[in-house]
């Protein structure tokens, strides 16, 4: 009996020691990720992988706190302090709860609606005599939504069907001004326009830059009363995360193949987006007017892209949003990759992620700003 107790103690000691060693490594890993994001000492893609894993590291630290509480409560402080540091540094990027502010008649309120529409299900439409009810609901929603400025990514328009002549429908709805990544495709039978801006207010000047395929930036100087603001709509390189494909594999070889594909796409995405965000920064810095930068960044709040923009402009979700603001309507789901950044001269009154609209693989986002 005594020998059995001694063996039990030895096994318990071994596992406690192993857990403590793993806990130390986890704390060091988490702090390294904090330092990389806070300092941006390097923008290598491997550093990017560490940065975006911060929420996963938080979850593991949280679990570790509760594992230690019953047996060695003092050891739970390590992960507890690590979590506290992360909340102090990046908590507002993760969860906020603000109430909508009032304009108090200090100026004009301006809503900017942004939505990656996944080409309105164009692949479902090709070869069919009419669009589906789901697509018609999507199109009706985006045309009728009450916002004077609307920005889209993966925008598609076609003159083949009245439903899909979306450029024409916006013009009839009063959006007389527009700017496109591919303006020559606005009135054709198969118009993969990509990035698009529609405005009720006059656009006095606009420009565009193609990154690749349908990724790029479109900007428009919009006249709002006596003021002019620059709307910058961006769609950066895809994240390449297709978790669903990995989970659907029935054999280990298929899982390995898809996992390698995801990792390769992540690496390419980190490299390309880091280059693309520098071009967006130039449009911000060279603007003679206050700016609102919206779109699909394909990167989380714990990334080089987000950090670089955050250093020059406030984020609308952090200042006026509610909840976690998750904007991706596919697995893994718990990520926010659609954002709006704004000039401090255009204070944000409210920001909403419309997560009950599930027509696309993204949710729409809308920010309400005060143009003084």
Protein backbone atom coordinates (compact mmCIF):
# COMPACT_ATOMS: atom_id res chain seq x y z
CA UNK A 1 0.00 0.00 0.00
CA UNK A 2 2.82 2.38 0.92
CA UNK A 3 4.62 1.59 -2.35
CA UNK A 4 1.44 2.30 -4.32
CA UNK A 5 1.10 5.68 -2.56
CA UNK A 6 4.72 6.53 -3.34
CA UNK A 7 4.24 5.61 -7.00
CA UNK A 8 1.07 7.73 -7.11
CA UNK A 9 2.95 10.70 -5.63
CA UNK A 10 5.75 10.30 -8.15
CA UNK A 11 3.28 10.21 -11.07
CA UNK A 12 1.46 13.28 -9.73
CA UNK A 13 4.78 15.09 -9.26
CA UNK A 14 5.82 14.21 -12.82
CA UNK A 15 2.64 15.56 -14.38
CA UNK A 16 2.68 18.69 -12.23
CA UNK A 17 6.26 19.34 -13.27
CA UNK A 18 5.40 18.74 -16.92
CA UNK A 19 2.40 21.08 -16.74
CA UNK A 20 4.49 23.76 -15.02
CA UNK A 21 7.18 23.49 -17.72
CA UNK A 22 4.53 23.80 -20.44
CA UNK A 23 3.00 26.72 -18.53
CA UNK A 24 6.35 28.53 -18.52
CA UNK A 25 6.77 27.97 -22.25
CA UNK A 26 3.20 29.18 -22.89
CA UNK A 27 3.77 32.36 -20.90
CA UNK A 28 7.04 33.05 -22.76
CA UNK A 29 5.36 32.38 -26.12
CA UNK A 30 2.47 34.72 -25.29
CA UNK A 31 4.78 37.51 -24.13
CA UNK A 32 6.87 37.10 -27.29
CA UNK A 33 3.73 37.52 -29.41
CA UNK A 34 2.82 40.64 -27.37
CA UNK A 35 6.26 42.13 -27.95
CA UNK A 36 6.23 41.42 -31.67
CA UNK A 37 2.83 43.09 -32.11
CA UNK A 38 3.53 46.02 -29.80
CA UNK A 39 6.96 46.86 -31.19
CA UNK A 40 6.73 45.63 -34.82
CA UNK A 41 10.44 44.89 -34.65
CA UNK A 42 10.01 42.48 -37.52
CA UNK A 43 7.25 41.96 -40.07
CA UNK A 44 8.40 38.54 -41.19
CA UNK A 45 5.56 36.13 -41.95
CA UNK A 46 6.62 33.84 -39.09
CA UNK A 47 6.20 36.78 -36.70
CA UNK A 48 2.79 37.33 -38.25
CA UNK A 49 1.85 33.73 -37.44
CA UNK A 50 2.77 34.31 -33.80
CA UNK A 51 0.82 37.57 -33.62
CA UNK A 52 -2.47 36.21 -34.93
CA UNK A 53 -2.24 33.29 -32.47
CA UNK A 54 -2.63 35.65 -29.48
CA UNK A 55 -6.34 34.76 -28.90
CA UNK A 56 -5.43 31.05 -28.89
CA UNK A 57 -2.64 31.74 -26.38
CA UNK A 58 -5.14 33.66 -24.22
CA UNK A 59 -7.51 30.71 -24.23
CA UNK A 60 -4.74 28.29 -23.20
CA UNK A 61 -3.58 30.62 -20.43
CA UNK A 62 -7.15 30.91 -19.20
CA UNK A 63 -7.46 27.11 -19.03
CA UNK A 64 -4.11 26.87 -17.24
CA UNK A 65 -5.26 29.28 -14.51
CA UNK A 66 -8.11 26.93 -13.60
CA UNK A 67 -5.92 23.82 -13.81
CA UNK A 68 -3.63 25.20 -11.09
CA UNK A 69 -6.26 26.63 -8.74
CA UNK A 70 -7.21 23.33 -6.98
CA UNK A 71 -3.64 22.14 -6.33
CA UNK A 72 -1.09 24.97 -6.63
CA UNK A 73 -3.02 28.28 -6.59
CA UNK A 74 0.15 30.40 -6.54
CA UNK A 75 1.18 28.96 -9.91
CA UNK A 76 -2.02 30.28 -11.52
CA UNK A 77 -0.60 33.80 -11.13
CA UNK A 78 1.79 33.30 -14.04
CA UNK A 79 -0.92 32.80 -16.63
CA UNK A 80 -3.19 35.26 -14.82
CA UNK A 81 -0.64 38.08 -15.08
CA UNK A 82 0.10 37.13 -18.70
CA UNK A 83 -3.61 37.46 -19.50
CA UNK A 84 -3.84 40.79 -17.66
CA UNK A 85 -0.95 42.23 -19.66
CA UNK A 86 -2.69 41.20 -22.89
CA UNK A 87 -5.99 42.77 -21.83
CA UNK A 88 -4.25 46.04 -20.94
CA UNK A 89 -2.40 46.12 -24.27
CA UNK A 90 -4.96 44.75 -26.71
CA UNK A 91 -8.24 44.31 -24.83
CA UNK A 92 -10.12 46.98 -26.77
CA UNK A 93 -9.28 45.17 -30.02
CA UNK A 94 -11.06 42.09 -28.74
CA UNK A 95 -14.18 43.16 -26.86
CA UNK A 96 -15.83 46.54 -26.29
CA UNK A 97 -19.26 47.76 -25.28
CA UNK A 98 -20.12 51.32 -26.28
CA UNK A 99 -23.52 52.96 -26.52
CA UNK A 100 -24.34 55.03 -29.65
CA UNK A 101 -23.41 58.68 -29.17
CA UNK A 102 -25.57 61.67 -30.04
CA UNK A 103 -24.50 64.27 -32.60
CA UNK A 104 -26.08 67.14 -30.59
CA UNK A 105 -26.65 68.99 -33.87
CA UNK A 106 -22.93 69.73 -34.17
CA UNK A 107 -22.77 68.73 -37.82
CA UNK A 108 -23.92 66.21 -40.41
CA UNK A 109 -24.11 62.54 -39.50
CA UNK A 110 -22.69 60.29 -42.21
CA UNK A 111 -23.23 56.53 -42.47
CA UNK A 112 -20.63 54.46 -44.30
CA UNK A 113 -21.81 50.94 -45.15
CA UNK A 114 -19.24 48.30 -46.15
CA UNK A 115 -19.83 44.72 -47.25
CA UNK A 116 -17.88 41.92 -48.92
CA UNK A 117 -20.75 40.49 -50.98
CA UNK A 118 -18.95 37.37 -52.30
CA UNK A 119 -19.86 38.35 -55.89
CA UNK A 120 -23.57 37.95 -55.02
CA UNK A 121 -23.32 34.23 -55.64
CA UNK A 122 -22.35 34.80 -59.25
CA UNK A 123 -21.36 31.15 -59.74
CA UNK A 124 -24.88 30.07 -58.80
CA UNK A 125 -26.32 32.43 -61.40
CA UNK A 126 -24.18 31.57 -64.43
CA UNK A 127 -26.20 29.50 -66.90
CA UNK A 128 -29.52 29.98 -65.08
CA UNK A 129 -32.46 31.91 -66.54
CA UNK A 130 -33.01 33.85 -63.31
CA UNK A 131 -31.42 34.53 -59.96
CA UNK A 132 -32.36 32.63 -56.79
CA UNK A 133 -34.62 34.03 -54.03
CA UNK A 134 -31.61 34.29 -51.70
CA UNK A 135 -29.71 36.39 -54.22
CA UNK A 136 -32.73 38.64 -54.76
CA UNK A 137 -32.99 39.18 -51.01
CA UNK A 138 -29.29 40.07 -50.89
CA UNK A 139 -29.56 42.57 -53.73
CA UNK A 140 -32.70 44.17 -52.33
CA UNK A 141 -31.03 44.50 -48.94
CA UNK A 142 -27.88 46.23 -50.14
CA UNK A 143 -29.77 48.63 -52.43
CA UNK A 144 -32.39 49.59 -49.84
CA UNK A 145 -30.13 49.86 -46.79
CA UNK A 146 -30.26 53.46 -45.57
CA UNK A 147 -26.71 54.80 -45.94
CA UNK A 148 -25.54 57.58 -48.29
CA UNK A 149 -22.16 55.94 -48.91
CA UNK A 150 -21.82 52.24 -49.64
CA UNK A 151 -18.58 50.35 -50.18
CA UNK A 152 -18.30 46.82 -51.52
CA UNK A 153 -15.65 44.17 -52.01
CA UNK A 154 -16.03 41.29 -54.48
CA UNK A 155 -18.68 43.38 -56.21
CA UNK A 156 -20.37 41.96 -59.29
CA UNK A 157 -22.83 43.40 -61.82
CA UNK A 158 -24.42 42.01 -64.96
CA UNK A 159 -26.75 43.46 -67.59
CA UNK A 160 -28.06 39.98 -68.47
CA UNK A 161 -30.71 39.99 -65.73
CA UNK A 162 -32.53 42.98 -64.22
CA UNK A 163 -31.74 41.64 -60.72
CA UNK A 164 -28.03 41.60 -61.44
CA UNK A 165 -27.82 45.02 -63.10
CA UNK A 166 -26.75 46.30 -59.70
CA UNK A 167 -24.94 49.40 -60.96
CA UNK A 168 -28.13 50.44 -62.77
CA UNK A 169 -30.25 49.69 -59.70
CA UNK A 170 -28.03 51.86 -57.51
CA UNK A 171 -28.26 54.73 -59.99
CA UNK A 172 -32.07 54.48 -60.00
CA UNK A 173 -32.03 54.44 -56.19
CA UNK A 174 -30.28 57.82 -56.11
CA UNK A 175 -26.63 56.78 -55.95
CA UNK A 176 -25.61 58.94 -58.87
CA UNK A 177 -21.90 58.87 -58.09
CA UNK A 178 -19.59 55.87 -58.07
CA UNK A 179 -15.98 54.69 -58.32
CA UNK A 180 -14.84 51.20 -59.33
CA UNK A 181 -11.68 49.12 -59.43
CA UNK A 182 -12.72 48.07 -62.96
CA UNK A 183 -14.91 50.94 -64.24
CA UNK A 184 -14.99 49.45 -67.75
CA UNK A 185 -17.00 46.49 -66.38
CA UNK A 186 -19.84 48.56 -64.89
CA UNK A 187 -22.29 47.94 -67.76
CA UNK A 188 -21.36 44.58 -69.27
CA UNK A 189 -22.81 41.08 -69.20
CA UNK A 190 -20.21 39.74 -66.76
CA UNK A 191 -18.80 42.54 -64.63
CA UNK A 192 -16.44 41.34 -61.91
CA UNK A 193 -15.84 44.89 -60.70
CA UNK A 194 -14.20 43.92 -57.42
CA UNK A 195 -13.96 47.02 -55.21
CA UNK A 196 -16.74 49.62 -55.55
CA UNK A 197 -17.97 52.84 -53.91
CA UNK A 198 -21.47 54.29 -54.38
CA UNK A 199 -22.47 57.71 -53.09
CA UNK A 200 -25.50 59.96 -52.98
CA UNK A 201 -23.14 62.88 -52.36
CA UNK A 202 -21.04 64.21 -55.28
CA UNK A 203 -17.67 62.57 -55.91
CA UNK A 204 -15.33 65.33 -57.06
CA UNK A 205 -12.33 63.08 -57.70
CA UNK A 206 -11.49 59.38 -57.46
CA UNK A 207 -8.71 56.90 -58.11
CA UNK A 208 -7.87 53.22 -57.96
CA UNK A 209 -4.97 50.80 -57.73
CA UNK A 210 -5.10 47.12 -58.56
CA UNK A 211 -3.16 44.73 -56.32
CA UNK A 212 -4.10 41.44 -57.97
CA UNK A 213 -7.21 39.99 -59.60
CA UNK A 214 -10.04 41.70 -57.69
CA UNK A 215 -8.00 42.91 -54.74
CA UNK A 216 -7.08 46.57 -54.65
CA UNK A 217 -7.95 50.02 -53.36
CA UNK A 218 -10.51 52.54 -54.64
CA UNK A 219 -10.71 56.06 -53.19
CA UNK A 220 -13.23 58.85 -53.70
CA UNK A 221 -13.28 62.46 -52.51
CA UNK A 222 -16.89 63.01 -51.47
CA UNK A 223 -18.48 66.44 -51.05
CA UNK A 224 -20.68 66.45 -47.95
CA UNK A 225 -22.24 69.88 -47.66
CA UNK A 226 -19.38 72.36 -47.49
CA UNK A 227 -16.89 69.69 -46.48
CA UNK A 228 -14.95 67.10 -48.44
CA UNK A 229 -13.87 63.73 -47.07
CA UNK A 230 -11.93 60.90 -48.68
CA UNK A 231 -13.44 57.42 -48.61
CA UNK A 232 -10.84 54.68 -49.12
CA UNK A 233 -12.22 51.22 -49.83
CA UNK A 234 -9.71 48.37 -49.63
CA UNK A 235 -9.67 44.65 -50.27
CA UNK A 236 -6.37 43.05 -49.31
CA UNK A 237 -5.01 39.62 -50.21
CA UNK A 238 -7.11 36.70 -48.97
CA UNK A 239 -6.26 35.04 -45.63
CA UNK A 240 -6.35 31.61 -47.23
CA UNK A 241 -8.03 30.00 -44.21
CA UNK A 242 -10.34 27.24 -45.41
CA UNK A 243 -10.95 25.31 -42.21
CA UNK A 244 -14.05 23.65 -43.67
CA UNK A 245 -11.97 21.90 -46.34
CA UNK A 246 -9.66 20.48 -43.68
CA UNK A 247 -12.55 19.22 -41.54
CA UNK A 248 -14.30 17.61 -44.50
CA UNK A 249 -11.34 15.34 -45.26
CA UNK A 250 -11.94 11.69 -44.32
CA UNK A 251 -8.36 10.47 -44.67
CA UNK A 252 -5.22 11.66 -42.92
CA UNK A 253 -3.47 12.34 -46.24
CA UNK A 254 -6.28 14.67 -47.25
CA UNK A 255 -6.04 16.51 -43.92
CA UNK A 256 -2.26 16.87 -44.33
CA UNK A 257 -2.63 18.13 -47.90
CA UNK A 258 -5.27 20.74 -47.01
CA UNK A 259 -3.37 21.83 -43.89
CA UNK A 260 -0.21 22.41 -45.96
CA UNK A 261 -2.34 24.42 -48.39
CA UNK A 262 -3.72 26.60 -45.60
CA UNK A 263 -0.24 27.24 -44.15
CA UNK A 264 1.16 28.09 -47.58
CA UNK A 265 -1.73 30.47 -48.28
CA UNK A 266 -1.25 32.11 -44.88
CA UNK A 267 2.45 32.67 -45.58
CA UNK A 268 1.74 34.21 -49.01
CA UNK A 269 -1.07 36.32 -47.54
CA UNK A 270 1.11 37.74 -44.76
CA UNK A 271 3.79 38.77 -47.25
CA UNK A 272 1.39 40.32 -49.78
CA UNK A 273 -0.78 42.17 -47.26
CA UNK A 274 2.26 43.69 -45.58
CA UNK A 275 3.20 45.21 -48.94
CA UNK A 276 -0.35 46.26 -49.80
CA UNK A 277 -0.98 48.05 -46.50
CA UNK A 278 1.98 50.36 -47.20
CA UNK A 279 0.20 51.52 -50.35
CA UNK A 280 -2.96 52.17 -48.34
CA UNK A 281 -0.88 54.21 -45.88
CA UNK A 282 0.34 56.39 -48.73
CA UNK A 283 -3.24 57.16 -49.81
CA UNK A 284 -4.03 58.13 -46.23
CA UNK A 285 -0.95 60.32 -45.76
CA UNK A 286 -1.31 62.02 -49.15
CA UNK A 287 -5.00 62.84 -48.73
CA UNK A 288 -5.76 66.57 -48.49
CA UNK A 289 -9.02 65.69 -46.72
CA UNK A 290 -10.02 63.73 -43.60
CA UNK A 291 -10.27 60.02 -44.43
CA UNK A 292 -12.41 57.00 -43.64
CA UNK A 293 -10.74 53.72 -44.57
CA UNK A 294 -13.09 50.76 -44.83
CA UNK A 295 -13.10 47.30 -46.33
CA UNK A 296 -12.01 43.69 -46.06
CA UNK A 297 -8.47 43.62 -44.67
CA UNK A 298 -8.27 39.83 -44.46
CA UNK A 299 -6.25 40.19 -41.27
CA UNK A 300 -7.13 40.11 -37.59
CA UNK A 301 -6.63 42.86 -34.98
CA UNK A 302 -3.42 41.05 -33.95
CA UNK A 303 -1.58 41.57 -37.22
CA UNK A 304 0.96 43.82 -38.88
CA UNK A 305 -1.73 45.26 -41.18
CA UNK A 306 -4.02 46.24 -38.31
CA UNK A 307 -1.19 47.56 -36.13
CA UNK A 308 0.24 49.77 -38.89
CA UNK A 309 -3.14 51.36 -39.62
CA UNK A 310 -3.97 51.61 -35.91
CA UNK A 311 -0.86 53.73 -35.38
CA UNK A 312 -2.09 56.44 -37.74
CA UNK A 313 -5.91 56.24 -37.41
CA UNK A 314 -8.38 55.24 -34.68
CA UNK A 315 -10.46 52.11 -35.28
CA UNK A 316 -14.24 52.65 -35.36
CA UNK A 317 -15.07 49.33 -33.69
CA UNK A 318 -12.77 50.05 -30.76
CA UNK A 319 -14.28 53.50 -30.26
CA UNK A 320 -17.98 52.85 -30.86
CA UNK A 321 -18.61 49.12 -31.36
CA UNK A 322 -20.24 46.48 -29.19
CA UNK A 323 -19.27 42.90 -28.42
CA UNK A 324 -16.54 41.03 -30.28
CA UNK A 325 -17.44 42.35 -33.74
CA UNK A 326 -16.71 39.06 -35.50
CA UNK A 327 -17.21 39.75 -39.21
CA UNK A 328 -16.43 36.43 -40.93
CA UNK A 329 -19.43 34.19 -41.61
CA UNK A 330 -17.50 30.92 -42.11
CA UNK A 331 -15.22 28.67 -40.08
CA UNK A 332 -13.37 29.54 -37.90
CA UNK A 333 -15.96 32.32 -37.45
CA UNK A 334 -14.49 34.05 -34.39
CA UNK A 335 -12.37 36.57 -36.31
CA UNK A 336 -12.82 40.24 -37.20
CA UNK A 337 -11.28 41.00 -40.58
CA UNK A 338 -13.60 43.80 -41.82
CA UNK A 339 -12.85 47.19 -40.31
CA UNK A 340 -13.21 50.94 -40.57
CA UNK A 341 -10.46 53.37 -39.57
CA UNK A 342 -11.22 57.09 -39.43
CA UNK A 343 -9.62 60.48 -39.11
CA UNK A 344 -9.99 61.97 -35.59
CA UNK A 345 -11.59 64.99 -37.29
CA UNK A 346 -14.50 62.67 -38.14
CA UNK A 347 -15.53 61.30 -34.73
CA UNK A 348 -17.43 58.02 -34.84
CA UNK A 349 -20.85 58.00 -33.17
CA UNK A 350 -21.75 54.36 -33.69
CA UNK A 351 -20.31 51.22 -35.25
CA UNK A 352 -22.21 48.03 -35.94
CA UNK A 353 -21.41 44.59 -37.29
CA UNK A 354 -24.70 43.39 -38.78
CA UNK A 355 -24.26 39.73 -37.89
CA UNK A 356 -27.85 38.69 -38.59
CA UNK A 357 -27.31 39.27 -42.34
CA UNK A 358 -25.88 35.96 -43.52
CA UNK A 359 -26.08 36.34 -47.31
CA UNK A 360 -22.29 36.30 -47.78
CA UNK A 361 -19.20 34.81 -46.13
CA UNK A 362 -18.81 38.21 -44.43
CA UNK A 363 -21.17 40.33 -42.35
CA UNK A 364 -21.83 43.95 -43.31
CA UNK A 365 -20.31 46.68 -41.16
CA UNK A 366 -21.54 50.26 -40.85
CA UNK A 367 -20.02 53.28 -39.11
CA UNK A 368 -21.81 56.54 -38.34
CA UNK A 369 -19.56 59.59 -38.29
CA UNK A 370 -19.92 63.26 -37.49
CA UNK A 371 -18.90 65.67 -40.23
CA UNK A 372 -18.55 68.93 -38.35
